Amino acid sequence: CMLENIKVSIILPIYNVEKYIKQSLDSILLQTHKNLEIILIDDGSPDLCGKIIDDYTERDERIKIVHKKNGGVSSARNEGLKIAMGEYICFADPDDYLMNDYVDYLLGLALQNDAEIALSKDMYSSFDKKETINNSIEIETPEKILADILMHKVPIGVYCKIFKKSLLDEYKIKFREDIFIGEGFNFNTFTFQRANKIAVGYKRIYFYRTDNQNSAVSKFNVKKWEN
């Protein structure tokens, strides 16, 4: 089937990122894959994020917004999953940003290899901005990819990945709302085990910001350790 006929939902949970949110949203609007549903979940953000994303709806009719009471990143993503209409789902974090072929690359990997999940193992970060070119592609079993994520060979968050929505629906897969650190790891391991196969690439299509002081991973607290 034609790539451009496939609708992809991008879910973005938003909380306390007014400094970064515009760059993140602009990178989504600039995707080469145009058939998008852009789901922005304002998780009761105390800063200007709510107003910023409301302004963006006037710029692009592909954007859907939910303003909700603060419930944490997992409840925000679940809210997005509830309303997502795309055949495929991918995620991003609102203090990161996407290369413009993020969706095209992941969707192409999934479709060309008839895989229910596709992912890239490599990404840019605040510490590593070098361009690398690695076009290799591997088809993995659920067992192999699970071993890889346990050994930190796969990014543990839900970014850099695309999931077929029918797989999530079939197994009623959601984020555990009692977990706010490692919630992506939990979602990934659960989903990986239920896929037929996973297509793995190495292209850097995502910029992971490691210098956001408000990020859940920046400061230590005992609750995180329990998570």
Protein backbone atom coordinates (compact mmCIF):
# COMPACT_ATOMS: atom_id res chain seq x y z
CA CYS A 1 0.00 0.00 0.00
CA MET A 2 1.06 3.59 -0.47
CA LEU A 3 2.94 4.96 2.50
CA GLU A 4 1.22 8.34 2.37
CA ASN A 5 -2.26 6.78 2.67
CA ILE A 6 -1.47 5.47 6.14
CA LYS A 7 -2.47 7.63 9.06
CA VAL A 8 -0.01 7.78 11.94
CA SER A 9 -0.90 9.19 15.35
CA ILE A 10 1.88 10.96 17.27
CA ILE A 11 1.16 11.26 21.00
CA LEU A 12 2.89 13.96 23.03
CA PRO A 13 2.37 14.22 26.82
CA ILE A 14 3.02 17.83 27.86
CA TYR A 15 4.05 19.10 31.28
CA ASN A 16 6.25 22.03 32.28
CA VAL A 17 8.24 22.32 29.03
CA GLU A 18 7.38 25.82 27.78
CA LYS A 19 11.06 26.41 26.97
CA TYR A 20 11.21 23.46 24.54
CA ILE A 21 7.65 22.80 23.34
CA LYS A 22 7.75 25.03 20.23
CA GLN A 23 10.85 23.34 18.85
CA SER A 24 9.25 19.97 19.51
CA LEU A 25 5.94 20.89 17.83
CA ASP A 26 7.66 22.52 14.86
CA SER A 27 9.64 19.33 14.27
CA ILE A 28 6.37 17.36 14.22
CA LEU A 29 4.67 19.78 11.81
CA LEU A 30 7.67 19.51 9.47
CA GLN A 31 7.43 15.72 9.12
CA THR A 32 7.78 14.51 5.53
CA HIS A 33 4.93 12.07 6.27
CA LYS A 34 1.92 14.38 6.11
CA ASN A 35 -0.89 11.98 7.00
CA LEU A 36 -0.62 12.58 10.73
CA GLU A 37 -2.87 12.93 13.71
CA ILE A 38 -0.98 15.03 16.27
CA ILE A 39 -2.33 14.38 19.76
CA LEU A 40 -1.19 16.84 22.42
CA ILE A 41 -2.10 16.01 26.00
CA ASP A 42 -1.69 18.94 28.37
CA ASP A 43 -1.27 17.13 31.70
CA GLY A 44 -2.32 20.10 33.83
CA SER A 45 0.89 21.93 33.00
CA PRO A 46 1.41 24.90 35.38
CA ASP A 47 3.35 27.01 32.85
CA LEU A 48 2.34 28.48 29.48
CA CYS A 49 2.27 25.14 27.62
CA GLY A 50 -1.54 25.03 27.54
CA LYS A 51 -1.76 28.40 25.82
CA ILE A 52 1.14 27.65 23.44
CA ILE A 53 -0.45 24.44 22.17
CA ASP A 54 -3.88 26.12 21.84
CA ASP A 55 -2.23 28.67 19.54
CA TYR A 56 -0.78 25.84 17.44
CA THR A 57 -4.24 24.37 16.71
CA GLU A 58 -4.96 27.44 14.64
CA ARG A 59 -1.92 26.67 12.49
CA ASP A 60 -2.66 23.03 11.69
CA GLU A 61 -5.93 21.11 11.65
CA ARG A 62 -4.12 17.80 12.23
CA ILE A 63 -3.62 18.78 15.89
CA LYS A 64 -5.96 17.44 18.58
CA ILE A 65 -5.65 18.75 22.12
CA VAL A 66 -6.75 17.39 25.48
CA HIS A 67 -6.35 19.54 28.61
CA LYS A 68 -6.54 17.36 31.70
CA LYS A 69 -5.88 17.44 35.42
CA ASN A 70 -2.31 16.44 36.23
CA GLY A 71 -2.03 12.66 36.44
CA GLY A 72 1.51 11.94 35.28
CA VAL A 73 3.07 10.96 31.98
CA SER A 74 1.49 7.49 31.83
CA SER A 75 -2.05 8.76 32.30
CA ALA A 76 -1.38 11.47 29.68
CA ARG A 77 -0.20 8.92 27.09
CA ASN A 78 -3.15 6.64 27.88
CA GLU A 79 -5.48 9.58 27.24
CA GLY A 80 -3.81 9.91 23.83
CA LEU A 81 -4.15 6.19 23.09
CA LYS A 82 -7.88 6.39 23.87
CA ILE A 83 -8.55 8.88 21.09
CA ALA A 84 -5.88 7.86 18.56
CA MET A 85 -7.32 6.99 15.13
CA GLY A 86 -4.09 6.22 13.26
CA GLU A 87 -3.20 2.76 11.95
CA TYR A 88 0.17 3.21 13.62
CA ILE A 89 1.12 5.02 16.82
CA CYS A 90 4.35 6.71 17.75
CA PHE A 91 5.40 8.82 20.67
CA ALA A 92 7.71 11.72 21.39
CA ASP A 93 8.65 13.63 24.52
CA PRO A 94 7.92 17.37 24.50
CA ASP A 95 11.43 18.48 25.42
CA ASP A 96 12.95 16.46 22.55
CA TYR A 97 12.56 16.95 18.82
CA LEU A 98 12.29 14.85 15.68
CA MET A 99 14.25 14.74 12.46
CA ASN A 100 11.82 15.40 9.62
CA ASP A 101 11.88 11.76 8.41
CA TYR A 102 11.08 10.34 11.88
CA VAL A 103 7.63 9.02 10.93
CA ASP A 104 8.52 8.13 7.34
CA TYR A 105 11.53 6.09 8.41
CA LEU A 106 9.76 4.12 11.15
CA LEU A 107 6.61 3.54 9.10
CA GLY A 108 8.69 2.43 6.09
CA LEU A 109 10.62 -0.02 8.29
CA ALA A 110 7.39 -1.49 9.65
CA LEU A 111 5.59 -1.81 6.31
CA GLN A 112 8.49 -3.05 4.20
CA ASN A 113 9.17 -5.82 6.69
CA ASP A 114 5.57 -6.57 7.65
CA ALA A 115 6.47 -5.92 11.30
CA GLU A 116 4.04 -4.77 13.96
CA ILE A 117 6.78 -2.76 15.67
CA ALA A 118 9.71 -0.87 14.15
CA LEU A 119 12.40 1.04 16.00
CA SER A 120 15.74 2.74 15.65
CA LYS A 121 18.48 1.83 18.12
CA ASP A 122 20.40 5.05 17.66
CA MET A 123 19.60 8.71 18.29
CA TYR A 124 21.12 12.13 18.78
CA SER A 125 21.49 13.50 22.29
CA SER A 126 22.81 16.62 23.99
CA PHE A 127 26.14 14.78 24.38
CA ASP A 128 26.26 13.23 20.93
CA LYS A 129 25.28 15.43 18.01
CA LYS A 130 27.43 13.71 15.40
CA GLU A 131 25.86 12.65 12.14
CA THR A 132 26.23 8.90 11.65
CA ILE A 133 25.12 6.85 8.69
CA ASN A 134 24.12 3.28 9.31
CA ASN A 135 21.56 1.88 6.90
CA SER A 136 21.53 -1.65 8.20
CA ILE A 137 18.22 -3.25 9.10
CA GLU A 138 17.61 -6.33 11.21
CA ILE A 139 14.46 -8.33 11.74
CA GLU A 140 14.27 -9.44 15.34
CA THR A 141 12.22 -11.93 17.30
CA PRO A 142 10.42 -10.73 20.44
CA GLU A 143 12.91 -12.75 22.53
CA LYS A 144 15.97 -11.12 20.96
CA ILE A 145 14.64 -7.57 21.20
CA LEU A 146 13.66 -8.16 24.83
CA ALA A 147 17.20 -9.26 25.62
CA ASP A 148 18.48 -6.15 23.82
CA ILE A 149 16.34 -3.74 25.84
CA LEU A 150 17.41 -5.45 29.08
CA MET A 151 21.03 -4.96 28.05
CA HIS A 152 20.47 -1.30 27.13
CA LYS A 153 21.03 -1.89 23.41
CA VAL A 154 17.60 -0.41 22.65
CA PRO A 155 16.42 2.99 23.96
CA ILE A 156 14.15 2.12 26.87
CA GLY A 157 11.65 4.93 26.30
CA VAL A 158 8.77 4.74 23.80
CA TYR A 159 10.36 7.30 21.46
CA CYS A 160 12.23 6.01 18.34
CA LYS A 161 9.54 3.35 17.89
CA ILE A 162 6.30 2.84 15.99
CA PHE A 163 3.56 0.41 17.01
CA LYS A 164 0.71 -1.03 14.96
CA LYS A 165 -2.45 0.12 16.69
CA SER A 166 -4.25 -3.19 16.14
CA LEU A 167 -1.57 -4.93 18.25
CA LEU A 168 -2.11 -2.49 21.14
CA ASP A 169 -5.89 -2.86 20.82
CA GLU A 170 -5.83 -6.64 20.62
CA TYR A 171 -3.96 -6.97 23.91
CA LYS A 172 -5.46 -3.80 25.47
CA ILE A 173 -1.95 -2.49 26.06
CA LYS A 174 -1.72 0.71 28.09
CA PHE A 175 0.82 2.49 30.29
CA ARG A 176 0.81 1.64 33.98
CA GLU A 177 -0.31 4.83 35.64
CA ASP A 178 1.40 4.04 38.95
CA ILE A 179 4.79 4.23 37.21
CA PHE A 180 6.34 7.51 36.08
CA ILE A 181 9.96 6.43 35.54
CA GLY A 182 10.55 3.40 33.37
CA GLU A 183 6.91 3.49 32.23
CA GLY A 184 8.13 3.26 28.63
CA PHE A 185 10.34 0.29 29.45
CA ASN A 186 7.34 -1.43 30.97
CA PHE A 187 5.14 -0.66 27.94
CA ASN A 188 7.85 -1.75 25.50
CA THR A 189 8.65 -5.08 27.12
CA PHE A 190 4.95 -5.93 27.33
CA THR A 191 4.36 -4.99 23.68
CA PHE A 192 7.55 -6.55 22.25
CA GLN A 193 6.57 -9.95 23.64
CA ARG A 194 3.27 -9.88 21.77
CA ALA A 195 4.56 -8.85 18.32
CA ASN A 196 5.21 -11.28 15.50
CA LYS A 197 8.52 -9.60 14.62
CA ILE A 198 10.26 -6.30 15.11
CA ALA A 199 12.09 -4.33 12.41
CA VAL A 200 15.23 -2.64 13.74
CA GLY A 201 17.16 0.18 12.09
CA TYR A 202 20.00 2.47 13.20
CA LYS A 203 19.18 5.79 11.60
CA ARG A 204 19.33 8.80 13.93
CA ILE A 205 15.85 10.29 13.66
CA TYR A 206 15.33 11.61 17.19
CA PHE A 207 17.06 14.19 19.38
CA TYR A 208 16.97 13.21 23.05
CA ARG A 209 17.57 16.18 25.31
CA THR A 210 19.62 15.40 28.41
CA ASP A 211 19.97 18.93 29.74
CA ASN A 212 16.38 19.71 30.80
CA GLN A 213 16.49 20.44 34.54
CA ASN A 214 12.76 19.74 34.90
CA SER A 215 12.98 16.30 33.34
CA ALA A 216 11.88 13.34 35.44
CA VAL A 217 15.31 11.77 35.04
CA SER A 218 17.42 14.80 36.05
CA LYS A 219 17.02 14.78 39.81
CA PHE A 220 17.20 11.89 42.22
CA ASN A 221 14.34 11.09 44.51
CA VAL A 222 13.43 7.89 46.33
CA LYS A 223 10.08 7.50 44.49
CA LYS A 224 11.97 7.16 41.19
CA TRP A 225 14.21 4.51 42.67
CA GLU A 226 11.11 2.55 43.75
CA ASN A 227 9.70 2.86 40.23
